[in-house]
């Protein structure tokens, strides 16, 4: 499995966290600021992760 390294940040005083997507990848996927992005949990080659895709309007 290949990929680009990024970071996950969990905020102490919040019930949420953030995954940073590099701008170059967002641009390659034609993602714009505040686009709806769906997340699906997938198991690929024995590794569990997220599959993210832009929700079309």
Protein backbone atom coordinates (compact mmCIF):
# COMPACT_ATOMS: atom_id res chain seq x y z
CA UNK A 1 0.00 0.00 0.00
CA UNK A 2 1.39 3.41 -0.87
CA UNK A 3 0.48 6.87 0.27
CA UNK A 4 1.61 10.28 1.36
CA UNK A 5 2.39 10.87 5.03
CA UNK A 6 0.18 13.31 6.91
CA UNK A 7 -0.72 14.00 10.56
CA UNK A 8 -3.73 13.38 12.79
CA UNK A 9 -4.37 15.90 15.57
CA UNK A 10 -6.69 15.24 18.52
CA UNK A 11 -7.83 18.27 20.47
CA UNK A 12 -7.89 17.89 24.29
CA UNK A 13 -10.93 20.06 24.98
CA UNK A 14 -12.97 19.01 22.00
CA UNK A 15 -14.66 15.85 20.82
CA UNK A 16 -12.99 16.13 17.44
CA UNK A 17 -9.73 15.86 15.61
CA UNK A 18 -8.21 16.92 12.30
CA UNK A 19 -6.43 15.13 9.46
CA UNK A 20 -4.40 17.46 7.26
CA UNK A 21 -4.74 16.91 3.51
CA UNK A 22 -1.89 18.48 1.51
CA UNK A 23 -3.14 21.21 -0.83
CA UNK A 24 -1.50 19.51 -3.83
CA UNK A 25 -3.60 16.38 -3.23
CA UNK A 26 -6.82 18.37 -2.69
CA UNK A 27 -6.17 20.25 -5.93
CA UNK A 28 -5.46 17.01 -7.83
CA UNK A 29 -8.84 15.70 -6.59
CA UNK A 30 -10.51 19.00 -7.53
CA UNK A 31 -11.56 19.60 -3.90
CA UNK A 32 -12.48 23.16 -2.99
CA UNK A 33 -12.79 24.92 0.38
CA UNK A 34 -15.84 23.61 2.29
CA UNK A 35 -16.66 20.82 -0.20
CA UNK A 36 -18.56 17.90 1.33
CA UNK A 37 -16.23 14.89 1.64
CA UNK A 38 -17.58 11.46 2.55
CA UNK A 39 -15.55 9.04 4.68
CA UNK A 40 -15.78 5.25 4.48
CA UNK A 41 -13.80 2.87 6.69
CA UNK A 42 -12.14 0.21 4.51
CA UNK A 43 -9.82 -2.74 5.07
CA UNK A 44 -7.28 -3.04 2.24
CA UNK A 45 -4.41 -5.54 2.31
CA UNK A 46 -5.02 -6.14 6.03
CA UNK A 47 -4.76 -2.42 6.89
CA UNK A 48 -7.82 -0.52 8.09
CA UNK A 49 -8.17 3.09 6.99
CA UNK A 50 -10.36 5.79 5.52
CA UNK A 51 -11.50 6.15 1.94
CA UNK A 52 -12.41 9.77 1.26
CA UNK A 53 -14.35 11.07 -1.71
CA UNK A 54 -15.97 14.34 -2.72
CA UNK A 55 -19.72 14.32 -2.41
CA UNK A 56 -21.28 15.60 -5.62
CA UNK A 57 -24.15 18.06 -5.29
